[in-house]
Amino acid sequence: MNRITKLSLPLSLLIVSSLAVLPYFAIDLLAQTPRPSDAIYSDNKTMDLGSKNISLTPYPVTEERAFDQGFLKGVGIITNNQTYRSTHLSDNLIQSTGKGTFETRDGQSIAWITSSIGRLVNDHWVFHGVILFNNTHSKSLSFLNNSIGFHKDIVGDEPDHIWLLK
């Protein structure tokens, strides 16, 4: 887990620098989003476990905790426990890092970290980011060992998705 923690800052910087460069390219990012049916993971309901203010300067920073239940292809129903630290860069932009675990019903688990950018779109926060899975000895989740994925999360009643990069 320590190795993953050391990667979170470079991962955050990569995402933030990518967002600074991407507007100069003629790419429709929404058209580049993979189809939900191709996602390795989809959830339908997220339970908010609360948030707290961490700092107000130079930008407001909050910590949010949540869990959801979703479907992981090849495994079935899993629980996704999550903690995020979010820096509110403006009223319309949030940079967030997170960590958590996927847990199966029989107690197998794998840890993950993520870095993402959230934008306010049609009164909903939409986050795009990169997720890195740690190693596990859990038989049913070992296919995720050291995998990197892309995720899209829409705060509210919309499903969240994760796609693995090949």
N, C-alpha and C. Protein backbone atom coordinates (compact mmCIF):
# COMPACT_ATOMS: atom_id res chain seq x y z
N MET A 1 0.82 -1.19 0.00
CA MET A 1 0.00 0.00 0.00
C MET A 1 0.87 1.25 0.00
N ASN A 2 2.06 1.17 0.62
CA ASN A 2 2.95 2.31 0.66
C ASN A 2 3.37 2.73 -0.74
N ARG A 3 3.62 1.75 -1.62
CA ARG A 3 4.00 2.05 -3.00
C ARG A 3 2.90 2.81 -3.71
N ILE A 4 1.67 2.42 -3.46
CA ILE A 4 0.53 3.09 -4.09
C ILE A 4 0.40 4.52 -3.59
N THR A 5 0.60 4.73 -2.29
CA THR A 5 0.50 6.07 -1.72
C THR A 5 1.52 7.01 -2.37
N LYS A 6 2.73 6.52 -2.64
CA LYS A 6 3.76 7.34 -3.25
C LYS A 6 3.40 7.73 -4.68
N LEU A 7 2.54 6.96 -5.34
CA LEU A 7 2.15 7.26 -6.72
C LEU A 7 1.02 8.27 -6.82
N SER A 8 0.32 8.56 -5.71
CA SER A 8 -0.87 9.41 -5.82
C SER A 8 -0.55 10.84 -6.24
N LEU A 9 0.54 11.44 -5.77
CA LEU A 9 0.87 12.80 -6.18
C LEU A 9 1.25 12.85 -7.66
N PRO A 10 2.14 11.97 -8.15
CA PRO A 10 2.43 12.01 -9.59
C PRO A 10 1.19 11.76 -10.45
N LEU A 11 0.32 10.87 -9.99
CA LEU A 11 -0.91 10.58 -10.72
C LEU A 11 -1.80 11.82 -10.77
N SER A 12 -1.91 12.53 -9.66
CA SER A 12 -2.70 13.77 -9.62
C SER A 12 -2.12 14.81 -10.56
N LEU A 13 -0.80 14.97 -10.54
CA LEU A 13 -0.17 15.95 -11.41
C LEU A 13 -0.36 15.61 -12.87
N LEU A 14 -0.31 14.32 -13.22
CA LEU A 14 -0.55 13.90 -14.60
C LEU A 14 -1.95 14.28 -15.04
N ILE A 15 -2.94 14.04 -14.21
CA ILE A 15 -4.32 14.35 -14.58
C ILE A 15 -4.53 15.86 -14.70
N VAL A 16 -4.02 16.61 -13.74
CA VAL A 16 -4.19 18.06 -13.78
C VAL A 16 -3.48 18.65 -14.99
N SER A 17 -2.26 18.19 -15.28
CA SER A 17 -1.54 18.73 -16.45
C SER A 17 -2.23 18.32 -17.75
N SER A 18 -2.82 17.13 -17.79
CA SER A 18 -3.55 16.71 -18.98
C SER A 18 -4.75 17.61 -19.23
N LEU A 19 -5.44 17.99 -18.17
CA LEU A 19 -6.60 18.86 -18.33
C LEU A 19 -6.19 20.25 -18.80
N ALA A 20 -4.98 20.66 -18.45
CA ALA A 20 -4.51 21.98 -18.90
C ALA A 20 -4.19 21.97 -20.39
N VAL A 21 -3.76 20.82 -20.92
CA VAL A 21 -3.35 20.72 -22.32
C VAL A 21 -4.51 20.32 -23.23
N LEU A 22 -5.40 19.47 -22.78
CA LEU A 22 -6.45 18.92 -23.63
C LEU A 22 -7.35 19.95 -24.30
N PRO A 23 -7.70 21.08 -23.66
CA PRO A 23 -8.58 22.03 -24.35
C PRO A 23 -7.99 22.57 -25.66
N TYR A 24 -6.68 22.45 -25.85
CA TYR A 24 -6.06 22.97 -27.05
C TYR A 24 -6.10 21.98 -28.21
N PHE A 25 -6.62 20.80 -27.98
CA PHE A 25 -6.76 19.81 -29.02
C PHE A 25 -8.23 19.72 -29.43
N ALA A 26 -8.48 19.43 -30.68
CA ALA A 26 -9.85 19.33 -31.19
C ALA A 26 -10.37 17.92 -30.94
N ILE A 27 -10.60 17.60 -29.67
CA ILE A 27 -11.08 16.27 -29.28
C ILE A 27 -12.37 16.43 -28.51
N ASP A 28 -13.38 15.70 -28.90
CA ASP A 28 -14.62 15.66 -28.15
C ASP A 28 -14.46 14.59 -27.08
N LEU A 29 -14.15 15.02 -25.84
CA LEU A 29 -13.88 14.06 -24.77
C LEU A 29 -15.08 13.19 -24.45
N LEU A 30 -16.28 13.73 -24.55
CA LEU A 30 -17.46 12.93 -24.25
C LEU A 30 -17.61 11.80 -25.26
N ALA A 31 -17.24 12.05 -26.50
CA ALA A 31 -17.33 11.00 -27.52
C ALA A 31 -16.27 9.93 -27.29
N GLN A 32 -15.20 10.25 -26.54
CA GLN A 32 -14.13 9.31 -26.28
C GLN A 32 -14.42 8.42 -25.06
N THR A 33 -15.45 8.73 -24.28
CA THR A 33 -15.77 7.94 -23.11
C THR A 33 -16.25 6.55 -23.54
N PRO A 34 -15.68 5.49 -22.97
CA PRO A 34 -16.10 4.14 -23.34
C PRO A 34 -17.57 3.89 -23.01
N ARG A 35 -18.14 2.88 -23.64
CA ARG A 35 -19.54 2.53 -23.40
C ARG A 35 -19.69 1.88 -22.03
N PRO A 36 -20.78 2.17 -21.32
CA PRO A 36 -21.01 1.52 -20.02
C PRO A 36 -21.00 0.00 -20.11
N SER A 37 -21.45 -0.56 -21.22
CA SER A 37 -21.48 -2.02 -21.36
C SER A 37 -20.08 -2.63 -21.41
N ASP A 38 -19.05 -1.83 -21.69
CA ASP A 38 -17.68 -2.32 -21.72
C ASP A 38 -16.98 -2.20 -20.36
N ALA A 39 -17.65 -1.62 -19.38
CA ALA A 39 -17.05 -1.41 -18.06
C ALA A 39 -16.82 -2.73 -17.35
N ILE A 40 -15.72 -2.81 -16.61
CA ILE A 40 -15.43 -3.98 -15.80
C ILE A 40 -16.23 -3.92 -14.49
N TYR A 41 -16.58 -2.70 -14.07
CA TYR A 41 -17.33 -2.49 -12.83
C TYR A 41 -18.39 -1.42 -13.05
N SER A 42 -19.57 -1.68 -12.53
CA SER A 42 -20.66 -0.70 -12.54
C SER A 42 -21.39 -0.77 -11.21
N ASP A 43 -21.70 0.39 -10.66
CA ASP A 43 -22.51 0.40 -9.44
C ASP A 43 -23.80 1.15 -9.71
N ASN A 44 -24.78 0.86 -8.92
CA ASN A 44 -26.09 1.49 -9.09
C ASN A 44 -26.49 2.38 -7.93
N LYS A 45 -25.86 2.18 -6.78
CA LYS A 45 -26.26 2.97 -5.62
C LYS A 45 -25.05 3.21 -4.72
N THR A 46 -24.81 4.47 -4.42
CA THR A 46 -23.74 4.85 -3.51
C THR A 46 -24.35 5.39 -2.23
N MET A 47 -23.84 4.92 -1.10
CA MET A 47 -24.29 5.39 0.21
C MET A 47 -23.25 6.35 0.76
N ASP A 48 -23.66 7.61 0.95
CA ASP A 48 -22.77 8.63 1.51
C ASP A 48 -22.64 8.39 3.01
N LEU A 49 -21.41 8.25 3.48
CA LEU A 49 -21.16 8.03 4.91
C LEU A 49 -20.75 9.30 5.64
N GLY A 50 -20.73 10.42 4.92
CA GLY A 50 -20.42 11.69 5.56
C GLY A 50 -19.18 12.35 5.01
N SER A 51 -19.04 13.62 5.34
CA SER A 51 -17.88 14.39 4.91
C SER A 51 -17.49 15.35 6.02
N LYS A 52 -16.24 15.81 5.94
CA LYS A 52 -15.79 16.80 6.92
C LYS A 52 -14.84 17.77 6.23
N ASN A 53 -14.80 18.99 6.75
CA ASN A 53 -13.89 20.00 6.24
C ASN A 53 -12.51 19.76 6.83
N ILE A 54 -11.49 19.77 5.97
CA ILE A 54 -10.12 19.57 6.41
C ILE A 54 -9.38 20.90 6.49
N SER A 55 -9.62 21.77 5.50
CA SER A 55 -8.91 23.04 5.41
C SER A 55 -9.74 24.02 4.60
N LEU A 56 -9.50 25.30 4.81
CA LEU A 56 -10.17 26.34 4.03
C LEU A 56 -9.21 27.13 3.16
N THR A 57 -7.90 27.04 3.44
CA THR A 57 -6.93 27.82 2.66
C THR A 57 -5.80 26.93 2.19
N PRO A 58 -5.19 27.15 1.05
CA PRO A 58 -5.54 28.19 0.09
C PRO A 58 -6.84 27.87 -0.66
N TYR A 59 -7.21 26.56 -0.71
CA TYR A 59 -8.48 26.15 -1.29
C TYR A 59 -9.21 25.29 -0.27
N PRO A 60 -10.54 25.28 -0.30
CA PRO A 60 -11.27 24.39 0.60
C PRO A 60 -10.93 22.91 0.29
N VAL A 61 -10.66 22.15 1.33
CA VAL A 61 -10.37 20.73 1.21
C VAL A 61 -11.35 19.97 2.09
N THR A 62 -11.97 18.95 1.52
CA THR A 62 -12.92 18.12 2.27
C THR A 62 -12.51 16.65 2.17
N GLU A 63 -13.02 15.87 3.10
CA GLU A 63 -12.84 14.42 3.04
C GLU A 63 -14.22 13.79 3.04
N GLU A 64 -14.45 12.90 2.07
CA GLU A 64 -15.74 12.23 1.94
C GLU A 64 -15.54 10.73 2.07
N ARG A 65 -16.50 10.08 2.70
CA ARG A 65 -16.49 8.62 2.83
C ARG A 65 -17.80 8.09 2.26
N ALA A 66 -17.70 6.96 1.55
CA ALA A 66 -18.88 6.37 0.93
C ALA A 66 -18.64 4.89 0.69
N PHE A 67 -19.71 4.18 0.42
CA PHE A 67 -19.57 2.81 -0.06
C PHE A 67 -20.70 2.57 -1.04
N ASP A 68 -20.44 1.66 -1.96
CA ASP A 68 -21.50 1.28 -2.89
C ASP A 68 -21.41 -0.21 -3.15
N GLN A 69 -22.49 -0.72 -3.68
CA GLN A 69 -22.50 -2.10 -4.14
C GLN A 69 -22.67 -2.07 -5.63
N GLY A 70 -21.89 -2.90 -6.30
CA GLY A 70 -21.94 -2.92 -7.74
C GLY A 70 -21.59 -4.28 -8.27
N PHE A 71 -21.51 -4.35 -9.59
CA PHE A 71 -21.24 -5.62 -10.27
C PHE A 71 -19.86 -5.56 -10.90
N LEU A 72 -18.99 -6.50 -10.53
CA LEU A 72 -17.65 -6.64 -11.11
C LEU A 72 -17.68 -7.85 -12.02
N LYS A 73 -17.41 -7.62 -13.32
CA LYS A 73 -17.45 -8.72 -14.30
C LYS A 73 -16.53 -9.85 -13.87
N GLY A 74 -17.04 -11.08 -13.96
CA GLY A 74 -16.27 -12.26 -13.60
C GLY A 74 -16.30 -12.59 -12.13
N VAL A 75 -16.86 -11.68 -11.31
CA VAL A 75 -16.90 -11.90 -9.87
C VAL A 75 -18.34 -11.87 -9.35
N GLY A 76 -19.09 -10.85 -9.74
CA GLY A 76 -20.46 -10.68 -9.25
C GLY A 76 -20.57 -9.43 -8.40
N ILE A 77 -21.49 -9.48 -7.43
CA ILE A 77 -21.76 -8.33 -6.56
C ILE A 77 -20.60 -8.14 -5.58
N ILE A 78 -20.10 -6.89 -5.50
CA ILE A 78 -19.05 -6.55 -4.55
C ILE A 78 -19.42 -5.25 -3.85
N THR A 79 -18.72 -4.98 -2.74
CA THR A 79 -18.85 -3.72 -2.03
C THR A 79 -17.59 -2.90 -2.30
N ASN A 80 -17.76 -1.63 -2.56
CA ASN A 80 -16.65 -0.72 -2.82
C ASN A 80 -16.62 0.32 -1.70
N ASN A 81 -15.66 0.19 -0.77
CA ASN A 81 -15.49 1.15 0.33
C ASN A 81 -14.53 2.23 -0.13
N GLN A 82 -14.88 3.51 0.12
CA GLN A 82 -14.14 4.62 -0.48
C GLN A 82 -13.93 5.77 0.50
N THR A 83 -12.76 6.40 0.40
CA THR A 83 -12.46 7.65 1.10
C THR A 83 -11.77 8.57 0.10
N TYR A 84 -12.25 9.80 0.01
CA TYR A 84 -11.70 10.78 -0.94
C TYR A 84 -11.29 12.04 -0.20
N ARG A 85 -10.22 12.66 -0.67
CA ARG A 85 -9.82 13.99 -0.22
C ARG A 85 -9.93 14.90 -1.43
N SER A 86 -10.78 15.91 -1.33
CA SER A 86 -11.12 16.76 -2.47
C SER A 86 -10.69 18.19 -2.24
N THR A 87 -9.99 18.74 -3.23
CA THR A 87 -9.59 20.15 -3.21
C THR A 87 -10.50 20.90 -4.18
N HIS A 88 -11.26 21.85 -3.65
CA HIS A 88 -12.24 22.61 -4.42
C HIS A 88 -11.52 23.82 -5.03
N LEU A 89 -11.07 23.64 -6.28
CA LEU A 89 -10.28 24.67 -6.94
C LEU A 89 -11.11 25.87 -7.38
N SER A 90 -12.39 25.65 -7.65
CA SER A 90 -13.33 26.72 -7.99
C SER A 90 -14.73 26.17 -7.73
N ASP A 91 -15.74 26.98 -8.05
CA ASP A 91 -17.12 26.52 -7.89
C ASP A 91 -17.46 25.42 -8.89
N ASN A 92 -16.64 25.26 -9.93
CA ASN A 92 -16.93 24.30 -11.00
C ASN A 92 -15.85 23.25 -11.20
N LEU A 93 -14.84 23.19 -10.30
CA LEU A 93 -13.72 22.28 -10.50
C LEU A 93 -13.20 21.72 -9.18
N ILE A 94 -13.10 20.40 -9.10
CA ILE A 94 -12.58 19.72 -7.91
C ILE A 94 -11.51 18.73 -8.35
N GLN A 95 -10.37 18.74 -7.63
CA GLN A 95 -9.34 17.73 -7.82
C GLN A 95 -9.43 16.81 -6.61
N SER A 96 -9.47 15.50 -6.86
CA SER A 96 -9.72 14.56 -5.78
C SER A 96 -8.77 13.37 -5.85
N THR A 97 -8.29 12.94 -4.69
CA THR A 97 -7.55 11.68 -4.59
C THR A 97 -8.33 10.78 -3.65
N GLY A 98 -8.25 9.48 -3.92
CA GLY A 98 -9.02 8.57 -3.09
C GLY A 98 -8.33 7.24 -2.92
N LYS A 99 -8.84 6.48 -1.96
CA LYS A 99 -8.37 5.13 -1.74
C LYS A 99 -9.55 4.31 -1.23
N GLY A 100 -9.44 3.01 -1.42
CA GLY A 100 -10.52 2.17 -0.96
C GLY A 100 -10.24 0.71 -1.22
N THR A 101 -11.28 -0.10 -1.09
CA THR A 101 -11.17 -1.53 -1.32
C THR A 101 -12.42 -2.05 -2.00
N PHE A 102 -12.21 -3.01 -2.89
CA PHE A 102 -13.29 -3.85 -3.40
C PHE A 102 -13.34 -5.06 -2.48
N GLU A 103 -14.54 -5.44 -2.04
CA GLU A 103 -14.69 -6.61 -1.18
C GLU A 103 -15.81 -7.50 -1.70
N THR A 104 -15.49 -8.80 -1.82
CA THR A 104 -16.49 -9.77 -2.26
C THR A 104 -17.33 -10.20 -1.06
N ARG A 105 -18.42 -10.89 -1.35
CA ARG A 105 -19.31 -11.36 -0.28
C ARG A 105 -18.64 -12.40 0.62
N ASP A 106 -17.62 -13.11 0.07
CA ASP A 106 -16.94 -14.12 0.88
C ASP A 106 -15.67 -13.59 1.55
N GLY A 107 -15.49 -12.25 1.58
CA GLY A 107 -14.41 -11.64 2.34
C GLY A 107 -13.11 -11.39 1.58
N GLN A 108 -13.04 -11.67 0.30
CA GLN A 108 -11.84 -11.37 -0.48
C GLN A 108 -11.82 -9.88 -0.79
N SER A 109 -10.61 -9.30 -0.89
CA SER A 109 -10.54 -7.86 -1.14
C SER A 109 -9.29 -7.49 -1.92
N ILE A 110 -9.36 -6.31 -2.53
CA ILE A 110 -8.21 -5.70 -3.20
C ILE A 110 -8.30 -4.19 -2.96
N ALA A 111 -7.14 -3.57 -2.65
CA ALA A 111 -7.08 -2.13 -2.41
C ALA A 111 -6.84 -1.39 -3.72
N TRP A 112 -7.23 -0.13 -3.75
CA TRP A 112 -7.03 0.72 -4.92
C TRP A 112 -6.78 2.16 -4.49
N ILE A 113 -6.20 2.95 -5.40
CA ILE A 113 -6.08 4.40 -5.22
C ILE A 113 -6.56 5.04 -6.51
N THR A 114 -6.94 6.29 -6.43
CA THR A 114 -7.42 7.01 -7.61
C THR A 114 -7.06 8.49 -7.51
N SER A 115 -7.02 9.12 -8.65
CA SER A 115 -6.88 10.55 -8.75
C SER A 115 -7.83 11.00 -9.86
N SER A 116 -8.62 12.03 -9.57
CA SER A 116 -9.62 12.43 -10.55
C SER A 116 -9.88 13.93 -10.51
N ILE A 117 -10.52 14.37 -11.57
CA ILE A 117 -10.96 15.76 -11.71
C ILE A 117 -12.48 15.75 -11.84
N GLY A 118 -13.14 16.60 -11.08
CA GLY A 118 -14.59 16.71 -11.16
C GLY A 118 -14.98 18.08 -11.68
N ARG A 119 -15.97 18.05 -12.57
CA ARG A 119 -16.52 19.30 -13.12
C ARG A 119 -18.02 19.30 -12.92
N LEU A 120 -18.58 20.48 -12.72
CA LEU A 120 -20.02 20.63 -12.59
C LEU A 120 -20.62 20.67 -13.99
N VAL A 121 -21.45 19.66 -14.31
CA VAL A 121 -22.08 19.54 -15.62
C VAL A 121 -23.58 19.37 -15.41
N ASN A 122 -24.37 20.31 -15.88
CA ASN A 122 -25.83 20.25 -15.74
C ASN A 122 -26.26 19.96 -14.30
N ASP A 123 -25.68 20.70 -13.37
CA ASP A 123 -25.99 20.61 -11.94
C ASP A 123 -25.60 19.28 -11.29
N HIS A 124 -24.74 18.49 -11.94
CA HIS A 124 -24.22 17.25 -11.36
C HIS A 124 -22.70 17.27 -11.43
N TRP A 125 -22.06 16.80 -10.37
CA TRP A 125 -20.60 16.67 -10.40
C TRP A 125 -20.25 15.41 -11.17
N VAL A 126 -19.41 15.57 -12.20
CA VAL A 126 -18.95 14.45 -13.02
C VAL A 126 -17.44 14.35 -12.86
N PHE A 127 -16.98 13.19 -12.38
CA PHE A 127 -15.56 12.96 -12.14
C PHE A 127 -15.02 11.97 -13.16
N HIS A 128 -13.86 12.29 -13.72
CA HIS A 128 -13.10 11.38 -14.59
C HIS A 128 -11.75 11.20 -13.93
N GLY A 129 -11.27 9.97 -13.90
CA GLY A 129 -9.99 9.76 -13.27
C GLY A 129 -9.35 8.44 -13.61
N VAL A 130 -8.20 8.23 -12.99
CA VAL A 130 -7.40 7.02 -13.16
C VAL A 130 -7.41 6.27 -11.84
N ILE A 131 -7.54 4.94 -11.93
CA ILE A 131 -7.54 4.09 -10.75
C ILE A 131 -6.45 3.04 -10.89
N LEU A 132 -5.73 2.79 -9.80
CA LEU A 132 -4.66 1.81 -9.78
C LEU A 132 -4.99 0.78 -8.70
N PHE A 133 -5.04 -0.49 -9.09
CA PHE A 133 -5.31 -1.57 -8.14
C PHE A 133 -3.99 -2.11 -7.60
N ASN A 134 -3.98 -2.43 -6.31
CA ASN A 134 -2.83 -3.02 -5.65
C ASN A 134 -2.78 -4.51 -5.97
N ASN A 135 -1.95 -5.26 -5.27
CA ASN A 135 -1.90 -6.71 -5.40
C ASN A 135 -2.77 -7.35 -4.33
N THR A 136 -3.30 -8.51 -4.64
CA THR A 136 -4.06 -9.28 -3.68
C THR A 136 -3.76 -10.75 -3.88
N HIS A 137 -3.95 -11.52 -2.82
CA HIS A 137 -3.84 -12.97 -2.92
C HIS A 137 -5.21 -13.60 -3.08
N SER A 138 -6.24 -12.76 -3.11
CA SER A 138 -7.61 -13.23 -3.29
C SER A 138 -7.76 -13.81 -4.69
N LYS A 139 -8.17 -15.06 -4.75
CA LYS A 139 -8.25 -15.76 -6.03
C LYS A 139 -9.18 -15.06 -7.03
N SER A 140 -10.36 -14.67 -6.59
CA SER A 140 -11.34 -14.12 -7.52
C SER A 140 -11.02 -12.70 -7.98
N LEU A 141 -10.15 -11.97 -7.24
CA LEU A 141 -9.83 -10.59 -7.59
C LEU A 141 -8.42 -10.42 -8.13
N SER A 142 -7.64 -11.50 -8.20
CA SER A 142 -6.24 -11.39 -8.61
C SER A 142 -6.07 -10.90 -10.05
N PHE A 143 -7.10 -11.02 -10.89
CA PHE A 143 -6.99 -10.51 -12.26
C PHE A 143 -6.83 -8.99 -12.28
N LEU A 144 -7.12 -8.32 -11.15
CA LEU A 144 -6.97 -6.87 -11.05
C LEU A 144 -5.58 -6.46 -10.57
N ASN A 145 -4.73 -7.41 -10.16
CA ASN A 145 -3.41 -7.08 -9.62
C ASN A 145 -2.65 -6.11 -10.54
N ASN A 146 -2.24 -4.98 -9.96
CA ASN A 146 -1.45 -3.94 -10.66
C ASN A 146 -2.14 -3.38 -11.90
N SER A 147 -3.44 -3.54 -12.01
CA SER A 147 -4.18 -3.02 -13.16
C SER A 147 -4.41 -1.52 -13.02
N ILE A 148 -4.45 -0.86 -14.16
CA ILE A 148 -4.77 0.56 -14.22
C ILE A 148 -6.07 0.69 -14.98
N GLY A 149 -6.95 1.54 -14.48
CA GLY A 149 -8.23 1.74 -15.14
C GLY A 149 -8.60 3.20 -15.21
N PHE A 150 -9.64 3.45 -15.92
CA PHE A 150 -10.24 4.78 -16.08
C PHE A 150 -11.62 4.71 -15.45
N HIS A 151 -12.02 5.73 -14.73
CA HIS A 151 -13.37 5.71 -14.15
C HIS A 151 -14.12 7.00 -14.43
N LYS A 152 -15.42 6.86 -14.45
CA LYS A 152 -16.33 8.00 -14.60
C LYS A 152 -17.39 7.85 -13.53
N ASP A 153 -17.51 8.88 -12.70
CA ASP A 153 -18.48 8.88 -11.61
C ASP A 153 -19.34 10.12 -11.72
N ILE A 154 -20.64 9.93 -11.64
CA ILE A 154 -21.58 11.05 -11.63
C ILE A 154 -22.26 11.04 -10.27
N VAL A 155 -22.05 12.11 -9.51
CA VAL A 155 -22.62 12.19 -8.17
C VAL A 155 -24.14 12.27 -8.27
N GLY A 156 -24.81 11.43 -7.53
CA GLY A 156 -26.28 11.37 -7.56
C GLY A 156 -26.73 9.96 -7.85
N ASP A 157 -27.80 9.83 -8.59
CA ASP A 157 -28.40 8.52 -8.84
C ASP A 157 -27.90 7.85 -10.12
N GLU A 158 -26.88 8.40 -10.75
CA GLU A 158 -26.35 7.81 -11.98
C GLU A 158 -25.34 6.72 -11.63
N PRO A 159 -25.26 5.66 -12.44
CA PRO A 159 -24.26 4.62 -12.18
C PRO A 159 -22.83 5.11 -12.42
N ASP A 160 -21.90 4.57 -11.65
CA ASP A 160 -20.48 4.84 -11.84
C ASP A 160 -19.87 3.64 -12.56
N HIS A 161 -18.79 3.89 -13.34
CA HIS A 161 -18.19 2.82 -14.14
C HIS A 161 -16.68 2.87 -14.04
N ILE A 162 -16.06 1.68 -14.17
CA ILE A 162 -14.61 1.55 -14.28
C ILE A 162 -14.30 0.68 -15.49
N TRP A 163 -13.34 1.15 -16.30
CA TRP A 163 -12.86 0.39 -17.45
C TRP A 163 -11.38 0.12 -17.22
N LEU A 164 -10.91 -1.09 -17.51
CA LEU A 164 -9.48 -1.39 -17.40
C LEU A 164 -8.77 -0.97 -18.66
N LEU A 165 -7.58 -0.39 -18.50
CA LEU A 165 -6.74 -0.06 -19.64
C LEU A 165 -5.98 -1.31 -20.04
N LYS A 166 -5.79 -1.48 -21.33
CA LYS A 166 -5.09 -2.67 -21.81
C LYS A 166 -3.69 -2.36 -22.18
